[in-house]
Protein backbone atom coordinates (compact mmCIF):
# COMPACT_ATOMS: atom_id res chain seq x y z
CA MET A 1 125.45 91.35 63.89
CA GLY A 2 125.34 92.00 60.10
CA LEU A 3 123.91 95.01 58.35
CA VAL A 4 120.86 93.17 56.97
CA GLN A 5 120.20 91.43 60.24
CA ARG A 6 120.43 94.64 62.21
CA LEU A 7 118.05 96.40 59.87
CA LEU A 8 115.54 93.56 59.82
CA GLY A 9 115.78 93.42 63.58
CA SER A 10 115.02 97.21 64.05
CA GLY A 11 112.18 97.16 61.49
CA GLY A 12 114.29 99.01 58.84
CA GLN A 13 115.25 101.73 61.23
CA PHE A 14 118.68 102.42 62.63
CA GLU A 15 120.31 104.69 65.17
CA THR A 16 123.70 106.31 64.91
CA ARG A 17 125.78 106.18 68.06
CA THR A 18 129.17 107.21 66.72
CA THR A 19 130.98 109.84 68.65
CA VAL A 20 132.59 112.30 66.42
CA THR A 21 136.13 113.17 67.67
CA SER A 22 137.57 114.59 64.50
CA ALA A 23 136.70 115.95 61.15
CA SER A 24 137.80 112.71 59.46
CA SER A 25 135.75 110.57 61.74
CA PHE A 26 132.77 112.89 61.16
CA LEU A 27 133.15 112.51 57.38
CA PHE A 28 133.45 108.78 57.77
CA SER A 29 130.20 108.83 59.72
CA LEU A 30 128.40 110.71 57.03
CA SER A 31 129.56 108.24 54.50
CA PHE A 32 128.57 105.29 56.54
CA VAL A 33 125.04 106.72 57.21
CA LYS A 34 124.61 107.43 53.43
CA ALA A 35 125.59 103.82 52.56
CA TYR A 36 123.36 102.50 55.35
CA THR A 37 120.40 104.50 54.13
CA SER A 38 120.93 103.30 50.52
CA SER A 39 120.71 99.74 51.79
CA LEU A 40 117.14 100.29 52.93
CA LEU A 41 115.60 99.74 49.49
CA PHE A 42 117.49 96.52 49.14
CA VAL A 43 116.44 95.31 52.53
CA THR A 44 112.83 96.14 51.83
CA ALA A 45 112.89 94.12 48.66
CA LEU A 46 114.73 91.44 50.61
CA GLN A 47 111.88 91.32 53.21
CA GLY A 48 109.36 91.07 50.46
CA PHE A 49 111.11 88.26 48.76
CA TRP A 50 111.89 86.22 51.94
CA MET A 51 108.35 85.26 52.95
CA PRO A 52 107.09 83.95 49.61
CA TRP A 53 110.48 82.21 48.99
CA ILE A 54 109.96 80.23 52.11
CA LEU A 55 106.38 79.50 51.33
CA ILE A 56 107.40 77.93 48.00
CA HIS A 57 110.68 76.35 48.70
CA HIS A 58 110.60 75.31 52.34
CA GLN A 59 107.76 72.84 52.27
CA PRO A 60 107.19 69.62 54.41
CA GLN A 61 108.06 66.40 52.62
CA GLY A 62 105.17 64.91 50.73
CA ALA A 63 103.18 68.27 50.83
CA SER A 64 101.63 69.52 47.62
CA ALA A 65 103.35 72.45 45.93
CA VAL A 66 102.61 75.98 47.11
CA SER A 67 102.20 78.27 44.19
CA TRP A 68 102.71 82.12 43.94
CA GLU A 69 98.90 82.52 43.59
CA ASP A 70 98.52 81.15 47.15
CA TRP A 71 100.38 83.83 49.04
CA TRP A 72 99.64 87.27 47.47
CA THR A 73 97.31 89.58 49.48
CA TYR A 74 96.21 93.25 49.44
CA GLU A 75 98.53 94.34 52.34
CA GLY A 76 101.99 94.06 53.76
CA ILE A 77 104.89 92.41 52.20
CA SER A 78 102.60 90.23 50.01
CA GLY A 79 100.56 93.25 48.92
CA PRO A 80 100.31 95.22 45.67
CA ALA A 81 103.53 97.22 46.17
CA PHE A 82 105.47 93.89 46.06
CA TRP A 83 103.49 91.98 43.40
CA GLY A 84 105.87 92.90 40.61
CA LEU A 85 109.07 92.85 42.62
CA ILE A 86 109.08 89.13 43.82
CA ASN A 87 107.86 87.00 40.96
CA PRO A 88 109.39 87.78 37.49
CA GLU A 89 106.26 86.65 35.87
CA TRP A 90 104.38 89.42 37.60
CA SER A 91 106.71 92.25 36.59
CA MET A 92 103.90 94.13 34.64
CA CYS A 93 102.32 94.84 38.03
CA ASN A 94 105.19 97.35 38.74
CA ARG A 95 106.60 98.05 35.25
CA GLY A 96 103.43 98.25 33.14
CA ARG A 97 102.13 101.61 31.98
CA ARG A 98 98.56 100.49 31.06
CA GLN A 99 97.48 99.21 34.47
CA SER A 100 94.14 99.10 36.26
CA PRO A 101 92.25 100.25 38.15
CA ILE A 102 92.32 104.03 37.41
CA ASN A 103 90.81 107.20 38.72
CA ILE A 104 88.27 108.51 36.33
CA GLU A 105 88.37 112.33 36.01
CA PRO A 106 85.07 113.53 34.47
CA SER A 107 86.62 116.71 33.17
CA GLN A 108 89.25 114.61 31.20
CA LEU A 109 86.82 112.20 29.37
CA LEU A 110 86.72 112.22 25.62
CA PHE A 111 83.42 111.88 23.71
CA ASP A 112 83.46 109.16 21.11
CA PRO A 113 80.34 109.16 18.80
CA ASN A 114 81.50 105.84 17.29
CA LEU A 115 80.96 103.96 20.61
CA ARG A 116 77.95 101.74 20.39
CA PRO A 117 75.77 100.36 23.08
CA LEU A 118 77.13 97.07 24.67
CA HIS A 119 75.16 93.96 23.77
CA ILE A 120 74.85 91.09 26.33
CA ASP A 121 72.98 87.84 25.53
CA LYS A 122 69.87 87.12 27.52
CA ASN A 123 70.82 83.51 28.12
CA THR A 124 71.09 82.21 31.76
CA VAL A 125 74.07 80.16 32.82
CA ALA A 126 74.81 78.29 36.05
CA GLY A 127 78.10 78.55 37.85
CA TYR A 128 80.14 78.28 41.17
CA LEU A 129 80.60 80.77 43.98
CA SER A 130 84.05 80.39 45.27
CA ASN A 131 86.00 81.72 48.20
CA VAL A 132 89.52 81.98 46.68
CA GLY A 133 91.13 83.48 49.76
CA GLN A 134 91.59 86.86 48.56
CA GLY A 135 88.03 87.42 47.49
CA LEU A 136 84.68 86.02 46.17
CA ILE A 137 84.51 84.73 42.70
CA PHE A 138 81.66 83.56 40.53
CA THR A 139 82.91 81.21 37.71
CA VAL A 140 80.46 80.32 34.86
CA ASP A 141 79.95 76.46 34.52
CA ASN A 142 81.65 75.62 31.24
CA SER A 143 78.90 72.99 30.53
CA SER A 144 76.19 75.67 30.57
CA LYS A 145 74.88 76.18 27.02
CA PRO A 146 74.20 78.38 25.24
CA SER A 147 76.96 80.72 26.58
CA VAL A 148 76.53 84.33 27.28
CA ASN A 149 78.31 86.52 24.71
CA LEU A 150 79.20 90.22 24.87
CA THR A 151 79.53 92.24 21.64
CA GLY A 152 79.31 95.84 20.47
CA GLY A 153 80.31 98.78 22.66
CA PRO A 154 84.12 99.43 22.17
CA LEU A 155 84.64 95.76 21.35
CA SER A 156 85.80 94.52 17.86
CA TYR A 157 85.40 90.83 18.84
CA LYS A 158 82.95 88.58 20.55
CA TYR A 159 83.61 87.84 24.15
CA GLU A 160 82.16 85.04 26.31
CA TRP A 161 81.18 85.63 29.94
CA HIS A 162 83.56 83.62 32.21
CA GLN A 163 83.79 85.17 35.76
CA MET A 164 82.69 87.83 38.13
CA ALA A 165 84.62 89.36 41.24
CA LEU A 166 83.38 91.32 44.07
CA HIS A 167 85.56 94.00 45.83
CA PHE A 168 84.45 95.65 49.02
CA GLY A 169 85.77 97.72 51.79
CA LEU A 170 85.63 97.57 55.56
CA ASN A 171 83.97 100.98 55.69
CA ASN A 172 81.66 102.82 53.40
CA GLN A 173 84.38 105.23 52.20
CA SER A 174 86.46 102.60 50.32
CA GLY A 175 86.02 99.25 48.66
CA SER A 176 85.83 99.97 44.91
CA GLU A 177 88.90 99.57 42.79
CA HIS A 178 87.96 102.44 40.26
CA THR A 179 87.28 105.76 41.66
CA ILE A 180 85.38 108.84 40.31
CA ALA A 181 87.07 112.27 40.69
CA GLY A 182 89.18 110.77 43.45
CA ARG A 183 86.25 109.33 45.39
CA ALA A 184 85.78 105.58 46.11
CA PHE A 185 82.61 103.53 46.44
CA PRO A 186 81.81 100.99 49.13
CA ALA A 187 82.08 98.03 46.58
CA GLU A 188 82.65 97.15 42.92
CA LEU A 189 81.42 94.18 40.80
CA GLN A 190 83.63 93.22 37.90
CA VAL A 191 82.51 90.99 35.12
CA PHE A 192 85.09 89.24 32.92
CA GLY A 193 84.75 87.72 29.40
CA PHE A 194 87.39 86.24 27.04
CA ASN A 195 87.79 86.73 23.26
CA THR A 196 86.43 83.51 21.76
CA GLN A 197 87.19 84.48 18.13
CA LEU A 198 90.92 84.50 18.82
CA TYR A 199 91.42 82.19 21.82
CA SER A 200 90.13 78.90 23.09
CA THR A 201 90.20 79.53 26.86
CA TYR A 202 90.18 82.38 29.42
CA SER A 203 93.70 81.50 30.47
CA GLU A 204 95.03 81.79 27.03
CA ALA A 205 93.17 85.04 26.40
CA LEU A 206 94.38 86.58 29.65
CA GLU A 207 97.85 86.44 28.38
CA SER A 208 97.21 87.64 24.88
CA PRO A 209 96.32 90.93 22.93
CA HIS A 210 92.59 91.93 22.92
CA GLY A 211 91.94 88.84 25.18
CA ILE A 212 89.74 90.12 27.88
CA VAL A 213 86.79 92.38 28.36
CA ALA A 214 86.24 93.70 32.04
CA ILE A 215 82.99 95.43 33.02
CA SER A 216 83.00 97.51 36.10
CA VAL A 217 79.96 98.49 38.02
CA LEU A 218 80.39 100.65 41.07
CA ILE A 219 78.15 99.81 43.98
CA GLN A 220 76.30 102.23 46.21
CA ILE A 221 74.45 101.75 49.45
CA GLY A 222 70.61 101.45 48.92
CA ASP A 223 67.65 99.13 49.62
CA THR A 224 66.44 95.90 47.95
CA SER A 225 63.88 97.81 45.89
CA GLN A 226 66.78 99.40 44.09
CA GLN A 227 68.42 96.12 43.34
CA THR A 228 68.17 94.23 40.11
CA THR A 229 66.54 90.73 40.60
CA GLU A 230 69.57 88.82 39.76
CA PHE A 231 71.91 90.83 41.89
CA ARG A 232 69.52 90.34 44.76
CA LEU A 233 69.67 86.69 44.22
CA LEU A 234 73.52 86.68 43.98
CA MET A 235 73.70 88.65 47.31
CA GLU A 236 71.36 86.13 48.95
CA HIS A 237 73.86 83.38 48.14
CA ILE A 238 76.86 85.38 49.12
CA THR A 239 75.58 86.50 52.50
CA LYS A 240 74.86 82.98 53.46
CA ILE A 241 78.71 82.52 53.69
CA GLU A 242 79.26 83.36 57.33
CA ARG A 243 82.52 83.92 59.16
CA HIS A 244 84.85 80.95 59.84
CA GLY A 245 83.91 79.00 63.02
CA SER A 246 80.10 79.69 63.03
CA THR A 247 77.79 76.93 63.53
CA LYS A 248 74.61 78.74 62.44
CA MET A 249 75.24 78.06 58.81
CA LYS A 250 72.70 75.52 57.67
CA ARG A 251 74.40 74.82 54.34
CA GLY A 252 77.88 74.78 55.77
CA LEU A 253 80.75 77.16 55.57
CA LEU A 254 82.42 78.25 52.27
CA GLN A 255 86.05 78.49 53.46
CA PRO A 256 89.13 79.39 51.30
CA GLY A 257 89.27 76.84 48.47
CA GLN A 258 85.70 75.81 48.73
CA GLU A 259 82.99 76.53 46.19
CA ARG A 260 79.09 76.39 46.16
CA ALA A 261 76.89 75.81 43.09
CA MET A 262 74.73 78.80 42.01
CA PRO A 263 71.41 78.53 40.12
CA ALA A 264 71.36 79.91 36.58
CA LEU A 265 71.87 83.72 36.41
CA SER A 266 71.18 86.26 33.64
CA LEU A 267 73.98 88.63 33.26
CA LYS A 268 71.83 90.99 31.30
CA LEU A 269 69.33 91.23 34.21
CA LEU A 270 72.16 91.41 36.90
CA LEU A 271 73.71 94.49 35.61
CA PRO A 272 71.94 97.84 35.70
CA PRO A 273 70.07 98.62 32.38
CA THR A 274 72.05 101.36 30.44
CA ASP A 275 73.63 102.05 27.08
CA TYR A 276 76.17 104.48 28.51
CA TYR A 277 79.60 103.85 29.83
CA ILE A 278 83.22 104.93 29.66
CA THR A 279 86.03 102.77 28.34
CA TYR A 280 89.82 102.47 28.39
CA GLU A 281 92.54 99.94 27.77
CA GLY A 282 93.98 98.44 30.86
CA SER A 283 95.05 95.37 32.77
CA ALA A 284 93.96 92.59 35.25
CA THR A 285 93.81 94.13 38.80
CA THR A 286 95.34 91.00 40.28
CA PRO A 287 98.78 89.37 39.61
CA ALA A 288 100.09 89.01 36.93
CA CYS A 289 98.44 92.28 35.96
CA GLN A 290 98.40 91.41 32.35
CA GLU A 291 97.75 94.41 30.03
CA THR A 292 95.17 92.66 27.82
CA ALA A 293 91.89 94.01 29.12
CA THR A 294 89.42 96.41 27.54
CA TRP A 295 87.57 98.04 30.55
CA ILE A 296 83.90 99.24 30.44
CA VAL A 297 82.69 101.25 33.34
CA PHE A 298 79.02 101.50 33.48
CA ASN A 299 77.46 104.93 34.21
CA ARG A 300 74.78 103.53 36.55
CA PRO A 301 75.44 101.81 39.86
CA LEU A 302 74.23 98.62 41.61
CA TYR A 303 72.95 98.90 45.06
CA ILE A 304 73.72 96.92 48.28
CA THR A 305 71.96 97.16 51.49
CA GLU A 306 73.91 97.94 54.88
CA GLN A 307 72.88 94.45 56.11
CA GLN A 308 74.31 92.71 52.99
CA LEU A 309 77.49 94.83 53.28
CA TYR A 310 77.80 94.04 57.03
CA ALA A 311 77.58 90.24 56.14
CA LEU A 312 80.22 90.62 53.52
CA ARG A 313 82.63 92.25 56.06
CA GLY A 314 82.23 89.17 58.28
CA LEU A 315 84.06 87.01 55.75
CA LYS A 316 87.52 85.87 56.46
CA ARG A 317 90.45 85.59 54.14
CA GLY A 318 93.12 82.82 53.72
CA SER A 319 94.84 80.58 51.24
CA PRO A 320 92.83 78.02 49.23
CA ASN A 321 95.78 75.63 49.86
CA PRO A 322 95.88 74.13 53.49
CA ASN A 323 99.60 73.50 53.08
CA HIS A 324 100.22 77.22 52.63
CA ASN A 325 98.54 78.13 55.76
CA GLN A 326 100.18 75.41 57.84
CA LEU A 327 103.65 76.45 56.49
CA ILE A 328 103.09 80.09 57.41
CA LYS A 329 102.06 78.99 60.90
CA SER A 330 105.20 76.84 61.32
CA SER A 331 107.60 79.47 59.85
CA PHE A 332 105.97 82.61 61.13
CA SER A 333 104.28 81.94 64.40
CA SER A 334 103.30 85.52 65.09
CA LEU A 335 101.10 85.55 61.90
CA SER A 336 97.35 84.66 61.94
CA ILE A 337 96.05 82.79 59.08
CA ALA A 338 92.49 82.91 57.85
CA ALA A 339 91.62 85.17 60.82
CA ASP A 340 91.67 88.74 59.17
CA PRO A 341 88.71 90.11 57.23
CA MET A 342 88.45 89.67 53.56
CA GLY A 343 87.36 93.25 53.07
CA ASN A 344 89.61 96.01 51.52
CA ASN A 345 90.53 93.60 48.73
CA TYR A 346 91.10 96.34 46.25
CA ARG A 347 94.26 97.29 44.42
CA PRO A 348 95.41 100.97 44.64
CA ILE A 349 94.75 103.41 41.75
CA GLN A 350 97.33 103.07 38.95
CA PRO A 351 98.64 106.03 36.81
CA THR A 352 96.84 106.63 33.41
CA HIS A 353 100.08 107.54 31.65
CA HIS A 354 98.12 109.73 29.17
CA ARG A 355 95.82 106.86 28.05
CA PRO A 356 92.55 108.17 26.36
CA VAL A 357 89.47 107.58 28.53
CA ARG A 358 86.50 107.66 26.23
CA THR A 359 82.68 107.90 26.83
CA ASN A 360 79.62 107.53 24.57
CA ILE A 361 77.79 110.16 26.49
CA ASP A 362 77.48 113.48 24.61
CA PHE A 363 77.57 115.94 27.47
CA THR A 364 77.96 118.88 25.10
CA SER A 365 74.52 118.42 23.56
CA SER A 366 73.55 121.96 24.57
CA GLU A 367 75.81 123.11 21.72
CA ARG A 368 73.41 121.51 19.26
CA GLY A 369 70.54 123.65 20.59
CA GLU A 370 69.22 121.01 22.90
CA LYS A 371 68.72 121.36 26.63
CA ALA A 372 71.90 120.15 28.30
CA CYS A 373 71.48 117.06 30.65
CA ALA A 374 67.92 116.52 29.50
CA THR A 375 68.38 112.76 29.56
CA MET A 376 70.21 112.91 32.86
CA HIS A 377 67.03 113.82 34.75
CA ARG A 378 65.40 110.68 33.43
CA ASP A 379 68.26 108.17 34.21
CA MET A 380 69.75 107.14 37.59
CA HIS A 381 73.16 108.44 38.53
CA TYR A 382 75.55 108.22 41.43
CA ARG A 383 73.72 110.55 43.77
CA GLY A 384 74.73 111.76 47.19
CA TRP A 385 78.33 110.77 46.75
CA PHE A 386 79.97 114.01 45.31
CA SER A 387 79.60 117.65 45.86
CA LEU A 388 81.59 118.78 42.78
CA ASP A 389 80.19 121.38 40.57
CA PHE A 390 80.99 121.17 36.90
CA SER A 391 79.61 123.57 34.29
CA ILE A 392 79.07 120.67 31.87
CA CYS A 393 77.29 117.34 32.57
CA VAL A 394 79.41 114.25 32.58
CA LEU A 395 78.55 110.58 32.85
CA TYR A 396 75.75 110.97 35.35
CA PHE A 397 78.50 110.33 37.93
CA VAL A 398 78.77 114.07 38.61
CA SER A 399 76.44 116.60 37.10
CA ALA A 400 75.64 120.36 37.38
CA CYS A 401 72.11 119.24 36.44
CA ALA A 402 71.74 116.60 39.36
CA ILE A 403 68.49 116.46 41.09
């Protein structure tokens, strides 16, 4: 049995059974163990490579191609730790130094008086709600005119709304991609737009400098009276997507690879009303992790009910490509396809690598003779989530003046 085969067969563990009869054999054993241990990293990478290699290259004759996008997940050998190791086109996922999401440390924020309020057009656009296997995506219908543009804020160009993604956890303590002072939220809504002044399509912009704007809105548990009208409408459509195999769904199941038409939505009315945010330069949070995004994290949350969150957690994940699922079943009989929950579809926190994280909230206004946190009493903030005590007020996320 070869070295790699023995390691794979034992789950990457090994046991030394050498009987030391002399000093020379003892030294030989130590050298062997050292070499054996050094091989673990190689074997781990080999394990991460083997499965997707089979998925892409070992296909039944006549089957449509299985792409890299079909197999990546949020756990195991196809999870975030392996994204940048297996596909050379995804190398930024592991090598990049401006990656997202990040942990936002309130005490490290830099106030920038030049940051303007973000402007979002009031237009409504129709679109499609899709189960892409790894999550739920709303994509704007390209035929919807006029389009919804995003300008101002930290942006130097005009961006057109293209897509939204919803990340959520299987418990109330996790789910969001961005965190505040190390604490996560149950869910996070992300809105994506592309630079129409430099690029023709979202795909082109995603690969190009200053290509993408990404708006992050953290989601807290609340009731429907706290929800914006458009977010309530969005959740009504999402929660009609029941778990696979259910026969109670009147409109039919939205399985991986399927989409459902959505009525016209107003992005401006969907997001919480606020002029305040934090911003930093980062990346896409899914492969290929392109570092072309300007992130804007709103200081106010959206709200989701316990019932809506429970419905989300009933969704199942899988590949949009049926050939992919069949191939895994035939090659890895112990794996279950499209049977695991879709939840916990978030990428782990990435290092900031000394990137500036700016805000347009002047939390030192008391130095100008004004009462600190005066506006924070009037505006909503992320309440009941943190017990941190800061001497200055930051972002409404955490505040010494919290009510």
